[in-house]
Amino acid sequence: KDLLALVTQDYATTGNRSSRTLKFRVAALESELGHLRAVAVSSGAIEAYKSKRLADGKAKATINRELACLRRACRLASQSRPPLISANRVPTIELYREDNVRQGLVSHEDYLALLAQLPDPINDAVTLGYLSGWRRAEVLGLTWPEVDRTRGLITLPAERSENREPRELPLSPALAALIEKRWQARLVSGPNGPRVCDRVFHRDGELVRDFRGAWRKAVRAIGRPSLLFHDLRRSAVTNMIRAGVPEQTAMRISGHRTPSVFRRYRIVETKDLLSALTQTESTLKADPHKQAISPHNDTDQPQKVAREPIRKIVILRKGMR
């Protein structure tokens, strides 16, 4: 527990944005390793923990996040004064290899079905996430000072952006309608009468922190029990690319900093492959001459290769000038 207290304090001090999920990781680690002193957390104990979590049905990615938390705790313990663990006794923590990149995608039909199953304001938060690709915390933390209804613009400040860069989201017709709906719901009752809530998405004037129960019920009802809120982000990216939105523009909307991470969110389904092949065939039928250049011709005769003329260079010796 002394190890995990260090990492909890570190997250609070640095304002780490993963503080919300940290408590679940710490709870899992404490349940299995909390009875051990810091110096007794050995590589063997960690391997036993990994096996136990796998047997409990936890995904390797989940276990890796927990192990990363423990590794951070051990590093902090060795750097503390006095150190809780000497540097040469920090255990080796091997993470699982994660071969499976999540492919969760919310189809438009599933999205509409979700809206019908979710209560206010969760359904409205889902709409913003599905259309913009914004992260859960970015959506739920939205306040009215960040919304300019006159200009039709949402501005996410750098301190609320996961990549620490400010971001602007112009209001499309669907988003403008959503914002207008939330504007009508900004008044909440209080002991001294109605008051204005500065939260766009709120429950009786309070920040929506957890809606896992409502989400689980909704995704089960539509037959997609494995869907996550974060899958809305993948879906938004995929929909934008399918609609022909340039990659750089889509990245500006969703808040991805690097193309490599952005492309991992772009889900390619079988229908995308079929569409690509069909489009290629249609292009060739419409213009048979628009073909790729092949190194071989149809007659199996060697092709003539144009060569640059060889220029003769004459070097004169000094004595021959």
Protein backbone atom coordinates (compact mmCIF):
# COMPACT_ATOMS: atom_id res chain seq x y z
CA LYS A 1 0.00 0.00 0.00
CA ASP A 2 2.92 2.34 0.66
CA LEU A 3 4.00 1.90 -2.96
CA LEU A 4 0.57 2.64 -4.36
CA ALA A 5 0.17 5.66 -2.10
CA LEU A 6 3.22 7.16 -3.83
CA VAL A 7 1.75 6.86 -7.32
CA THR A 8 -1.64 8.18 -6.17
CA GLN A 9 0.06 11.23 -4.66
CA ASP A 10 2.17 11.69 -7.81
CA TYR A 11 -0.92 11.69 -10.04
CA ALA A 12 -2.62 14.24 -7.79
CA THR A 13 0.44 16.49 -7.72
CA THR A 14 1.03 16.46 -11.47
CA GLY A 15 -2.65 16.74 -12.37
CA ASN A 16 -2.45 13.57 -14.45
CA ARG A 17 -5.57 13.17 -16.59
CA SER A 18 -5.71 9.43 -15.86
CA SER A 19 -6.53 10.04 -12.18
CA ARG A 20 -10.12 8.89 -12.77
CA THR A 21 -9.02 5.44 -13.92
CA LEU A 22 -6.08 5.23 -11.51
CA LYS A 23 -8.32 4.36 -8.55
CA PHE A 24 -9.56 1.22 -10.32
CA ARG A 25 -6.00 0.11 -11.08
CA VAL A 26 -4.86 0.81 -7.54
CA ALA A 27 -7.84 -1.12 -6.15
CA ALA A 28 -6.97 -4.15 -8.29
CA LEU A 29 -3.32 -4.05 -7.22
CA GLU A 30 -4.19 -3.58 -3.55
CA SER A 31 -6.56 -6.54 -3.56
CA GLU A 32 -3.75 -8.92 -4.57
CA LEU A 33 -0.52 -7.23 -3.45
CA GLY A 34 -1.65 -4.79 -0.77
CA HIS A 35 -0.62 -7.11 2.08
CA LEU A 36 3.03 -7.05 0.96
CA ARG A 37 5.66 -4.57 2.06
CA ALA A 38 7.36 -2.62 -0.72
CA VAL A 39 10.56 -4.69 -0.49
CA ALA A 40 8.54 -7.91 -0.74
CA VAL A 41 7.00 -7.09 -4.13
CA SER A 42 9.14 -9.48 -6.14
CA SER A 43 9.09 -10.51 -9.78
CA GLY A 44 7.55 -13.80 -8.68
CA ALA A 45 4.72 -12.03 -6.88
CA ILE A 46 4.08 -9.92 -9.97
CA GLU A 47 3.95 -12.96 -12.25
CA ALA A 48 1.46 -14.57 -9.87
CA TYR A 49 -0.61 -11.38 -10.02
CA LYS A 50 -0.64 -11.48 -13.81
CA SER A 51 -1.78 -15.10 -13.84
CA LYS A 52 -4.53 -14.38 -11.33
CA ARG A 53 -5.85 -11.42 -13.34
CA LEU A 54 -5.86 -13.48 -16.54
CA ALA A 55 -7.76 -16.24 -14.74
CA ASP A 56 -10.28 -13.61 -13.63
CA GLY A 57 -10.98 -12.88 -17.29
CA LYS A 58 -9.20 -9.53 -17.49
CA ALA A 59 -7.82 -8.43 -20.86
CA LYS A 60 -4.06 -8.20 -21.33
CA ALA A 61 -4.41 -4.50 -22.08
CA THR A 62 -6.15 -3.97 -18.73
CA ILE A 63 -3.46 -5.91 -16.88
CA ASN A 64 -0.75 -3.93 -18.67
CA ARG A 65 -2.25 -0.64 -17.49
CA GLU A 66 -2.22 -1.98 -13.93
CA LEU A 67 1.38 -3.17 -14.24
CA ALA A 68 2.43 0.19 -15.67
CA CYS A 69 0.94 1.79 -12.57
CA LEU A 70 2.92 -0.59 -10.34
CA ARG A 71 6.11 0.03 -12.31
CA ARG A 72 5.65 3.77 -11.84
CA ALA A 73 5.12 3.21 -8.11
CA CYS A 74 8.34 1.17 -7.83
CA ARG A 75 10.31 3.83 -9.69
CA LEU A 76 9.00 6.53 -7.37
CA ALA A 77 9.82 4.37 -4.34
CA SER A 78 13.44 3.99 -5.45
CA GLN A 79 13.73 7.76 -6.01
CA SER A 80 12.17 8.82 -2.70
CA ARG A 81 14.31 10.03 0.20
CA PRO A 82 14.92 7.79 2.00
CA PRO A 83 14.16 5.19 -0.69
CA LEU A 84 11.49 2.61 0.06
CA ILE A 85 13.23 0.25 -2.37
CA SER A 86 16.91 0.33 -3.27
CA ALA A 87 17.53 0.77 -6.99
CA ASN A 88 19.03 -2.72 -7.31
CA ARG A 89 15.91 -4.31 -5.79
CA VAL A 90 13.30 -2.78 -8.08
CA PRO A 91 11.46 -5.81 -9.53
CA THR A 92 11.40 -6.52 -13.24
CA ILE A 93 7.87 -6.01 -14.54
CA GLU A 94 7.24 -7.56 -17.94
CA LEU A 95 4.15 -6.41 -19.79
CA TYR A 96 2.07 -8.61 -22.04
CA ARG A 97 2.37 -8.13 -25.75
CA GLU A 98 -0.83 -6.57 -27.05
CA ASP A 99 -1.45 -7.93 -30.53
CA ASN A 100 -5.09 -6.97 -30.72
CA VAL A 101 -5.83 -3.40 -31.78
CA ARG A 102 -9.40 -2.67 -30.79
CA GLN A 103 -11.77 -2.60 -33.74
CA GLY A 104 -14.91 -1.34 -31.99
CA LEU A 105 -17.08 0.57 -34.43
CA VAL A 106 -20.52 2.07 -33.87
CA SER A 107 -22.60 1.90 -37.04
CA HIS A 108 -25.12 4.66 -37.68
CA GLU A 109 -27.93 2.22 -36.92
CA ASP A 110 -26.32 1.29 -33.59
CA TYR A 111 -25.80 4.97 -32.81
CA LEU A 112 -29.49 5.75 -33.31
CA ALA A 113 -30.45 2.70 -31.25
CA LEU A 114 -28.12 3.84 -28.46
CA LEU A 115 -29.73 7.27 -28.35
CA ALA A 116 -33.13 5.66 -27.88
CA GLN A 117 -31.86 3.60 -24.93
CA LEU A 118 -29.87 6.27 -23.08
CA PRO A 119 -31.34 8.94 -20.77
CA ASP A 120 -30.62 12.66 -20.89
CA PRO A 121 -27.97 14.02 -20.89
CA ILE A 122 -25.97 10.88 -21.73
CA ASN A 123 -27.62 10.54 -25.13
CA ASP A 124 -26.62 14.11 -25.98
CA ALA A 125 -23.03 13.46 -24.86
CA VAL A 126 -23.00 10.41 -27.13
CA THR A 127 -24.10 12.59 -30.05
CA LEU A 128 -21.22 15.01 -29.53
CA GLY A 129 -18.75 12.13 -29.21
CA TYR A 130 -20.08 10.35 -32.29
CA LEU A 131 -19.99 13.43 -34.52
CA SER A 132 -16.75 15.02 -33.31
CA GLY A 133 -14.58 12.15 -32.09
CA TRP A 134 -13.83 14.05 -28.90
CA ARG A 135 -12.71 12.11 -25.85
CA ARG A 136 -15.09 11.26 -23.01
CA ALA A 137 -13.59 13.77 -20.56
CA GLU A 138 -13.52 16.49 -23.22
CA VAL A 139 -17.22 15.94 -23.92
CA LEU A 140 -18.49 15.64 -20.35
CA GLY A 141 -16.39 18.54 -19.10
CA LEU A 142 -17.82 21.00 -21.63
CA THR A 143 -18.99 24.29 -20.08
CA TRP A 144 -21.05 27.14 -21.50
CA PRO A 145 -18.14 29.64 -21.43
CA GLU A 146 -16.49 27.31 -23.98
CA VAL A 147 -19.51 27.56 -26.32
CA ASP A 148 -20.09 30.58 -28.55
CA ARG A 149 -23.64 30.16 -29.79
CA THR A 150 -23.51 33.39 -31.79
CA ARG A 151 -20.46 32.32 -33.82
CA GLY A 152 -21.46 28.66 -33.78
CA LEU A 153 -18.18 27.53 -32.25
CA ILE A 154 -16.92 25.39 -29.36
CA THR A 155 -13.42 26.17 -28.10
CA LEU A 156 -11.65 23.53 -26.03
CA PRO A 157 -8.94 25.19 -23.90
CA ALA A 158 -5.47 23.66 -23.76
CA GLU A 159 -5.81 22.69 -20.10
CA ARG A 160 -8.79 20.47 -20.92
CA SER A 161 -7.31 18.96 -24.06
CA GLU A 162 -5.50 15.66 -23.62
CA ASN A 163 -2.77 16.71 -26.07
CA ARG A 164 -2.45 20.07 -24.27
CA GLU A 165 -3.37 22.02 -27.40
CA PRO A 166 -6.50 24.19 -27.76
CA ARG A 167 -9.05 23.03 -30.30
CA GLU A 168 -11.99 24.57 -32.11
CA LEU A 169 -15.13 22.74 -33.20
CA PRO A 170 -17.49 24.63 -35.54
CA LEU A 171 -21.12 23.72 -35.01
CA SER A 172 -22.59 21.73 -37.89
CA PRO A 173 -26.40 21.76 -38.16
CA ALA A 174 -26.69 18.61 -36.02
CA LEU A 175 -24.28 19.95 -33.40
CA ALA A 176 -26.02 23.35 -33.38
CA ALA A 177 -29.35 21.60 -32.70
CA LEU A 178 -27.71 19.62 -29.89
CA ILE A 179 -26.27 22.76 -28.28
CA GLU A 180 -29.66 24.49 -28.51
CA LYS A 181 -31.29 21.52 -26.76
CA ARG A 182 -28.72 21.64 -23.97
CA TRP A 183 -29.13 25.42 -23.69
CA GLN A 184 -32.81 24.91 -22.94
CA ALA A 185 -31.82 22.49 -20.15
CA ARG A 186 -29.33 24.80 -18.42
CA LEU A 187 -31.77 25.92 -15.69
CA VAL A 188 -31.88 23.72 -12.60
CA SER A 189 -33.93 24.05 -9.45
CA GLY A 190 -32.25 24.98 -6.18
CA PRO A 191 -33.16 25.86 -2.59
CA ASN A 192 -33.27 29.54 -3.52
CA GLY A 193 -35.05 29.05 -6.82
CA PRO A 194 -33.86 28.22 -10.36
CA ARG A 195 -30.22 28.74 -11.20
CA VAL A 196 -28.12 28.48 -14.35
CA CYS A 197 -25.74 25.52 -14.56
CA ASP A 198 -22.50 26.22 -16.41
CA ARG A 199 -22.19 22.56 -17.40
CA VAL A 200 -23.48 21.66 -20.85
CA PHE A 201 -24.03 18.05 -19.77
CA HIS A 202 -25.23 17.81 -16.17
CA ARG A 203 -27.42 15.84 -13.80
CA ASP A 204 -29.46 18.25 -11.73
CA GLY A 205 -26.68 20.79 -12.01
CA GLU A 206 -23.86 18.37 -11.18
CA LEU A 207 -21.06 17.10 -13.40
CA VAL A 208 -21.78 13.70 -14.95
CA ARG A 209 -18.91 11.57 -13.67
CA ASP A 210 -20.05 8.00 -14.11
CA PHE A 211 -22.74 6.49 -16.30
CA ARG A 212 -21.43 2.94 -16.61
CA GLY A 213 -24.70 1.43 -15.44
CA ALA A 214 -26.78 3.26 -18.05
CA TRP A 215 -24.20 2.50 -20.74
CA ARG A 216 -24.06 -1.24 -19.98
CA LYS A 217 -27.84 -1.47 -20.03
CA ALA A 218 -28.04 0.38 -23.36
CA VAL A 219 -25.34 -1.57 -25.23
CA ARG A 220 -26.83 -4.85 -24.07
CA ALA A 221 -30.27 -3.73 -25.21
CA ILE A 222 -29.01 -3.09 -28.75
CA GLY A 223 -27.04 -6.35 -28.87
CA ARG A 224 -23.56 -4.76 -28.73
CA PRO A 225 -22.45 -5.48 -25.13
CA SER A 226 -18.74 -4.94 -25.82
CA LEU A 227 -19.09 -1.36 -27.09
CA LEU A 228 -17.21 1.37 -25.21
CA PHE A 229 -17.78 5.11 -25.20
CA HIS A 230 -14.30 5.43 -26.72
CA ASP A 231 -15.55 3.49 -29.75
CA LEU A 232 -17.48 6.64 -30.66
CA ARG A 233 -14.10 8.28 -31.29
CA ARG A 234 -13.04 5.51 -33.67
CA SER A 235 -16.39 5.74 -35.40
CA ALA A 236 -16.13 9.50 -35.89
CA VAL A 237 -12.68 9.16 -37.46
CA THR A 238 -13.85 6.34 -39.72
CA ASN A 239 -16.97 8.25 -40.80
CA MET A 240 -14.99 11.40 -41.62
CA ILE A 241 -12.49 9.52 -43.78
CA ARG A 242 -15.30 7.64 -45.56
CA ALA A 243 -16.95 10.99 -46.25
CA GLY A 244 -13.78 12.19 -47.95
CA VAL A 245 -12.63 14.57 -45.22
CA PRO A 246 -8.86 15.19 -45.60
CA GLU A 247 -6.79 13.48 -42.92
CA GLN A 248 -5.29 16.69 -41.58
CA THR A 249 -8.73 18.27 -41.22
CA ALA A 250 -10.13 15.21 -39.46
CA MET A 251 -7.17 15.24 -37.07
CA ARG A 252 -7.89 18.88 -36.22
CA ILE A 253 -11.47 17.95 -35.34
CA SER A 254 -10.75 14.82 -33.29
CA GLY A 255 -7.61 16.14 -31.61
CA HIS A 256 -5.11 13.53 -32.79
CA ARG A 257 -1.56 14.87 -32.81
CA THR A 258 0.17 12.27 -34.98
CA PRO A 259 -0.97 10.57 -38.21
CA SER A 260 0.21 7.17 -36.92
CA VAL A 261 -2.18 7.19 -33.96
CA PHE A 262 -4.95 8.71 -36.08
CA ARG A 263 -4.70 5.88 -38.61
CA ARG A 264 -5.07 3.29 -35.88
CA TYR A 265 -8.49 4.79 -35.21
CA ARG A 266 -9.47 4.48 -38.86
CA ILE A 267 -11.34 1.17 -39.04
CA VAL A 268 -11.30 -0.52 -42.46
CA GLU A 269 -14.22 -2.92 -42.85
CA THR A 270 -14.96 -5.42 -45.61
CA LYS A 271 -17.44 -2.99 -47.18
CA ASP A 272 -14.62 -0.43 -47.48
CA LEU A 273 -12.53 -2.95 -49.41
CA LEU A 274 -15.48 -3.80 -51.66
CA SER A 275 -16.13 -0.11 -52.27
CA ALA A 276 -12.49 0.43 -53.25
CA LEU A 277 -12.51 -2.47 -55.71
CA THR A 278 -15.86 -1.44 -57.20
CA GLN A 279 -14.68 2.14 -57.61
CA THR A 280 -11.50 0.94 -59.34
CA GLU A 281 -13.46 -1.26 -61.75
CA SER A 282 -15.88 1.57 -62.55
CA THR A 283 -12.99 3.91 -63.29
CA LEU A 284 -11.37 1.42 -65.65
CA LYS A 285 -14.65 0.78 -67.49
CA ALA A 286 -15.26 4.50 -67.92
CA ASP A 287 -11.70 5.14 -69.13
CA PRO A 288 -9.96 1.95 -70.32
CA HIS A 289 -6.78 3.90 -71.06
CA LYS A 290 -6.35 4.92 -67.42
CA GLN A 291 -4.21 1.93 -66.50
CA ALA A 292 -1.16 1.50 -64.39
CA ILE A 293 2.20 1.34 -66.15
CA SER A 294 3.45 -2.24 -66.22
CA PRO A 295 7.04 -3.36 -66.66
CA HIS A 296 5.78 -5.91 -69.22
CA ASN A 297 3.71 -5.33 -72.37
CA ASP A 298 1.03 -7.55 -73.86
CA THR A 299 3.22 -8.83 -76.71
CA ASP A 300 5.97 -10.13 -74.47
CA GLN A 301 8.38 -8.14 -76.59
CA PRO A 302 11.14 -6.28 -74.82
CA GLN A 303 10.25 -2.67 -74.31
CA LYS A 304 12.52 0.03 -75.57
CA VAL A 305 14.07 2.03 -72.84
CA ALA A 306 14.97 5.59 -73.60
CA ARG A 307 18.53 6.31 -72.64
CA GLU A 308 20.21 9.57 -71.96
CA PRO A 309 22.82 10.33 -74.63
CA ILE A 310 26.32 9.67 -73.41
CA ARG A 311 28.42 12.76 -73.52
CA LYS A 312 32.09 12.32 -74.28
CA ILE A 313 34.33 14.20 -71.96
CA VAL A 314 37.85 14.89 -73.19
CA ILE A 315 40.48 15.65 -70.61
CA LEU A 316 43.49 17.52 -71.94
CA ARG A 317 46.77 17.26 -70.22
CA LYS A 318 48.63 20.43 -69.59
CA GLY A 319 51.38 19.47 -72.02
CA MET A 320 48.91 18.79 -74.84
CA ARG A 321 47.15 22.17 -74.78
